[in-house]
Amino acid sequence: MPEFITHRISCPNCKLADLCLPHGLQPQEVAQLTGIIKNKNPLQTDQLLYAQGQTCESLYAIKSGSFRSFIATADGEEQTIGFYLPGELMGLDAFQHGRFNCSAMALETASVCELPLAQLNELCAGIPGLQKQLMRTLGKEIASDHDKILLGHRPAKQRMATFLLMLSNRYAALGFSSTLFNLTMSRYDIANYLGLTIETVSRQLGLLGRQGVITVKQRGIMINNMQALQLIVNACPQACTAVAAV
């Protein structure tokens, strides 16, 4: 099985490019946006980038590594609500009240570009194209949330297949391999996100492996049969409803 590598992103390939590079901004406008970006020190595994309830002063674009977002309940339980990959933008959930609705924690050594919100808002006021692209990015985030809701109504095998396919599509959109990638998140985090047990996650990965759909090597995933994975995801809706009702 090929060796897995840590994904890194360069500025022209990250979602930040949707805000500045290919959408008709003038060179001086691109320079203005680039001028407000701050590079934070690398974060280590399990280090928080920001905490639930914290005042939002910046948005963050991931340069390398990956993150888990989660909500903590009053009794200390954590619910994983998403994962972020290189090139993706974090912090959009704070737009409503000016505070982060969740926490973001590094799953591995990671680095981010920081976009101070006050300066970004000023630029958006003077550069309509920048504001438009920021709204497009926010729209993608909302659409992704809708996809997550659908996961809860599917049987375990479909949830696992859908999760792998979602990661595959996201890596492909960022210019990486769609068939060979790491699960940088733990089995516990995946189970918590999908509403399954750790044992069920391991069992479903093993089942997909025995069927030849994927190859699993520790945290590495190779998709051997994309069509078969898609067929599992697109299984009969009536059957899904029946299983979910049990």
Protein backbone atom coordinates (compact mmCIF):
# COMPACT_ATOMS: atom_id res chain seq x y z
CA MET A 1 0.00 0.00 0.00
CA PRO A 2 1.48 3.44 -0.91
CA GLU A 3 2.91 5.57 1.87
CA PHE A 4 0.56 8.23 3.18
CA ILE A 5 1.75 11.82 3.46
CA THR A 6 0.64 14.78 5.52
CA HIS A 7 -1.36 17.14 3.32
CA ARG A 8 -0.27 20.74 3.05
CA ILE A 9 -1.94 23.52 1.11
CA SER A 10 -0.49 26.49 -0.74
CA CYS A 11 -2.41 29.75 -0.93
CA PRO A 12 -3.56 29.40 -4.58
CA ASN A 13 -5.17 26.02 -3.77
CA CYS A 14 -6.96 26.76 -0.49
CA LYS A 15 -10.49 27.99 -0.03
CA LEU A 16 -9.02 31.36 0.71
CA ALA A 17 -8.39 31.49 -3.03
CA ASP A 18 -12.17 31.60 -3.45
CA LEU A 19 -12.05 34.92 -1.62
CA CYS A 20 -9.34 36.61 -3.62
CA LEU A 21 -7.56 35.03 -6.56
CA PRO A 22 -9.82 33.72 -9.34
CA HIS A 23 -12.87 35.92 -9.11
CA GLY A 24 -12.06 39.18 -10.82
CA LEU A 25 -10.25 41.10 -8.09
CA GLN A 26 -7.65 43.59 -9.20
CA PRO A 27 -4.00 42.95 -8.24
CA GLN A 28 -4.08 45.76 -5.67
CA GLU A 29 -7.18 44.22 -4.08
CA VAL A 30 -5.44 40.86 -3.84
CA ALA A 31 -2.50 42.61 -2.21
CA GLN A 32 -4.85 44.22 0.32
CA LEU A 33 -6.26 40.87 1.36
CA THR A 34 -2.83 39.26 1.54
CA GLY A 35 -1.67 42.17 3.69
CA ILE A 36 -4.05 41.39 6.58
CA ILE A 37 -3.23 37.68 6.84
CA LYS A 38 -1.30 36.63 9.94
CA ASN A 39 0.61 33.38 10.30
CA LYS A 40 0.09 31.77 13.71
CA ASN A 41 2.59 29.47 15.37
CA PRO A 42 2.00 25.79 14.58
CA LEU A 43 -0.50 24.00 16.81
CA GLN A 44 0.27 20.62 18.31
CA THR A 45 -2.03 17.58 18.53
CA ASP A 46 -5.03 18.21 20.84
CA GLN A 47 -4.25 21.94 21.11
CA LEU A 48 -7.26 24.27 20.87
CA LEU A 49 -7.33 26.88 18.14
CA TYR A 50 -10.38 28.51 19.70
CA ALA A 51 -12.89 27.57 22.39
CA GLN A 52 -16.66 27.42 22.49
CA GLY A 53 -18.07 30.74 23.74
CA GLN A 54 -14.87 32.66 22.99
CA THR A 55 -15.24 36.02 21.25
CA CYS A 56 -14.47 35.67 17.56
CA GLU A 57 -11.74 38.05 16.46
CA SER A 58 -10.51 36.12 13.41
CA LEU A 59 -11.35 33.49 10.83
CA TYR A 60 -8.79 30.78 10.11
CA ALA A 61 -7.70 29.06 6.89
CA ILE A 62 -5.88 25.76 7.39
CA LYS A 63 -2.44 25.59 5.76
CA SER A 64 -1.55 22.09 6.95
CA GLY A 65 -2.91 19.46 9.28
CA SER A 66 -6.55 18.97 10.24
CA PHE A 67 -8.99 19.93 12.98
CA ARG A 68 -12.00 18.58 14.84
CA SER A 69 -14.86 20.87 15.82
CA PHE A 70 -17.01 19.92 18.79
CA ILE A 71 -19.63 21.22 21.21
CA ALA A 72 -19.31 20.59 24.95
CA THR A 73 -22.46 20.10 27.01
CA ALA A 74 -23.00 21.41 30.55
CA ASP A 75 -22.01 18.02 32.02
CA GLY A 76 -18.75 17.91 30.08
CA GLU A 77 -19.79 15.56 27.26
CA GLU A 78 -18.39 16.37 23.82
CA GLN A 79 -20.26 16.04 20.52
CA THR A 80 -18.08 16.11 17.41
CA ILE A 81 -19.81 18.16 14.73
CA GLY A 82 -17.23 18.33 11.98
CA PHE A 83 -13.71 17.92 10.65
CA TYR A 84 -11.67 20.50 8.75
CA LEU A 85 -8.98 19.78 6.18
CA PRO A 86 -6.13 21.81 4.62
CA GLY A 87 -7.48 24.73 2.60
CA GLU A 88 -10.76 24.99 4.48
CA LEU A 89 -12.00 28.02 6.40
CA MET A 90 -12.93 27.84 10.10
CA GLY A 91 -14.86 30.19 12.38
CA LEU A 92 -17.87 31.02 10.20
CA ASP A 93 -20.21 29.74 12.94
CA ALA A 94 -19.39 32.86 15.00
CA PHE A 95 -20.97 35.27 12.53
CA GLN A 96 -24.38 35.18 14.25
CA HIS A 97 -23.45 36.30 17.77
CA GLY A 98 -19.77 37.19 17.51
CA ARG A 99 -18.76 34.14 19.57
CA PHE A 100 -17.68 30.68 18.51
CA ASN A 101 -20.50 28.15 18.87
CA CYS A 102 -18.02 25.28 19.05
CA SER A 103 -14.38 24.53 19.82
CA ALA A 104 -11.73 23.65 17.24
CA MET A 105 -8.89 21.30 18.18
CA ALA A 106 -5.90 20.17 16.13
CA LEU A 107 -5.94 16.47 15.24
CA GLU A 108 -2.24 16.60 14.38
CA THR A 109 0.49 19.20 14.08
CA ALA A 110 -1.21 21.97 12.12
CA SER A 111 -0.75 25.51 10.88
CA VAL A 112 -3.29 28.16 9.95
CA CYS A 113 -3.52 31.60 8.36
CA GLU A 114 -5.37 34.07 10.58
CA LEU A 115 -7.72 36.65 9.05
CA PRO A 116 -8.55 39.38 11.60
CA LEU A 117 -12.30 39.88 11.37
CA ALA A 118 -12.31 43.67 11.80
CA GLN A 119 -9.87 44.14 8.93
CA LEU A 120 -11.65 41.54 6.80
CA ASN A 121 -14.97 43.37 7.28
CA GLU A 122 -13.36 46.63 6.23
CA LEU A 123 -12.01 45.03 3.07
CA CYS A 124 -15.41 43.48 2.28
CA ALA A 125 -17.01 46.93 2.52
CA GLY A 126 -14.60 48.27 -0.09
CA ILE A 127 -14.30 45.15 -2.27
CA PRO A 128 -17.76 43.81 -3.22
CA GLY A 129 -16.26 40.77 -4.95
CA LEU A 130 -14.57 39.72 -1.72
CA GLN A 131 -17.82 39.91 0.22
CA LYS A 132 -19.57 37.86 -2.48
CA GLN A 133 -17.00 35.09 -2.28
CA LEU A 134 -17.16 35.06 1.52
CA MET A 135 -20.92 34.52 1.23
CA ARG A 136 -20.32 31.67 -1.22
CA THR A 137 -18.00 30.01 1.29
CA LEU A 138 -20.63 30.43 4.01
CA GLY A 139 -23.21 28.87 1.69
CA LYS A 140 -20.98 25.83 1.17
CA GLU A 141 -20.72 25.46 4.95
CA ILE A 142 -24.52 25.48 5.29
CA ALA A 143 -24.90 22.92 2.50
CA SER A 144 -22.36 20.71 4.28
CA ASP A 145 -24.39 20.96 7.49
CA HIS A 146 -27.46 19.74 5.58
CA ASP A 147 -25.50 16.70 4.39
CA LYS A 148 -24.50 15.91 7.98
CA ILE A 149 -28.16 15.89 9.08
CA LEU A 150 -28.94 13.18 6.53
CA LEU A 151 -26.32 10.89 8.07
CA GLY A 152 -28.41 10.36 11.18
CA HIS A 153 -31.21 8.70 9.18
CA ARG A 154 -29.05 6.03 7.56
CA PRO A 155 -27.96 2.56 8.71
CA ALA A 156 -24.39 2.11 9.95
CA LYS A 157 -22.94 0.83 6.69
CA GLN A 158 -24.28 3.80 4.76
CA ARG A 159 -23.10 6.25 7.39
CA MET A 160 -19.57 4.88 7.16
CA ALA A 161 -19.61 4.79 3.35
CA THR A 162 -21.04 8.32 3.19
CA PHE A 163 -18.37 9.60 5.56
CA LEU A 164 -15.59 8.12 3.42
CA LEU A 165 -17.15 9.47 0.24
CA MET A 166 -17.53 12.95 1.78
CA LEU A 167 -13.83 12.94 2.70
CA SER A 168 -12.94 11.68 -0.78
CA ASN A 169 -14.90 14.49 -2.44
CA ARG A 170 -13.43 17.14 -0.15
CA TYR A 171 -9.86 15.98 -0.76
CA ALA A 172 -10.53 15.94 -4.51
CA ALA A 173 -11.94 19.50 -4.39
CA LEU A 174 -8.73 20.62 -2.65
CA GLY A 175 -6.56 19.04 -5.33
CA PHE A 176 -5.52 15.94 -3.37
CA SER A 177 -6.05 12.26 -4.11
CA SER A 178 -9.67 11.18 -3.79
CA THR A 179 -8.75 7.52 -3.28
CA LEU A 180 -5.77 7.60 -0.92
CA PHE A 181 -5.85 9.56 2.33
CA ASN A 182 -5.44 9.37 6.10
CA LEU A 183 -8.18 9.32 8.68
CA THR A 184 -6.44 11.84 10.92
CA MET A 185 -9.32 11.62 13.38
CA SER A 186 -9.55 8.75 15.87
CA ARG A 187 -12.11 5.95 15.64
CA TYR A 188 -13.73 7.48 18.73
CA ASP A 189 -14.12 10.86 17.00
CA ILE A 190 -15.58 9.22 13.88
CA ALA A 191 -18.03 7.22 16.00
CA ASN A 192 -19.02 10.33 17.95
CA TYR A 193 -19.57 12.26 14.72
CA LEU A 194 -21.60 9.50 13.04
CA GLY A 195 -23.64 8.57 16.10
CA LEU A 196 -22.19 5.04 16.22
CA THR A 197 -20.08 3.04 18.66
CA ILE A 198 -16.35 2.59 18.19
CA GLU A 199 -16.94 -1.12 17.68
CA THR A 200 -19.47 -0.44 14.93
CA VAL A 201 -17.07 1.92 13.14
CA SER A 202 -14.31 -0.70 13.25
CA ARG A 203 -16.72 -3.41 12.15
CA GLN A 204 -17.99 -1.40 9.17
CA LEU A 205 -14.48 -0.49 8.06
CA GLY A 206 -13.55 -4.17 8.32
CA LEU A 207 -16.62 -5.17 6.31
CA LEU A 208 -15.85 -2.67 3.54
CA GLY A 209 -12.29 -3.99 3.56
CA ARG A 210 -13.33 -7.65 3.25
CA GLN A 211 -15.64 -6.71 0.39
CA GLY A 212 -12.68 -5.13 -1.41
CA VAL A 213 -14.28 -1.68 -1.51
CA ILE A 214 -11.46 -0.16 0.55
CA THR A 215 -8.10 -1.14 2.00
CA VAL A 216 -7.42 -0.07 5.58
CA LYS A 217 -3.89 0.27 6.95
CA GLN A 218 -4.02 1.69 10.46
CA ARG A 219 -5.37 5.20 9.77
CA GLY A 220 -4.73 5.03 6.04
CA ILE A 221 -7.61 4.49 3.61
CA MET A 222 -7.39 3.43 -0.01
CA ILE A 223 -10.66 3.37 -1.96
CA ASN A 224 -10.37 0.47 -4.38
CA ASN A 225 -13.87 0.63 -5.84
CA MET A 226 -15.40 4.09 -5.92
CA GLN A 227 -18.47 2.88 -7.78
CA ALA A 228 -19.23 0.26 -5.13
CA LEU A 229 -18.85 2.89 -2.39
CA GLN A 230 -21.23 5.19 -4.25
CA LEU A 231 -23.76 2.37 -4.66
CA ILE A 232 -23.75 1.81 -0.89
CA VAL A 233 -24.36 5.52 -0.28
CA ASN A 234 -27.17 5.61 -2.85
CA ALA A 235 -28.94 2.49 -1.56
CA CYS A 236 -32.74 2.42 -1.66
CA PRO A 237 -34.17 5.32 0.41
CA GLN A 238 -37.16 3.18 1.47
CA ALA A 239 -34.81 0.62 2.97
CA CYS A 240 -32.94 3.34 4.84
CA THR A 241 -36.17 4.67 6.29
CA ALA A 242 -37.19 1.21 7.44
CA VAL A 243 -33.88 0.54 9.16
CA ALA A 244 -33.80 4.00 10.78
CA ALA A 245 -37.27 3.37 12.22
CA VAL A 246 -36.22 0.16 13.98
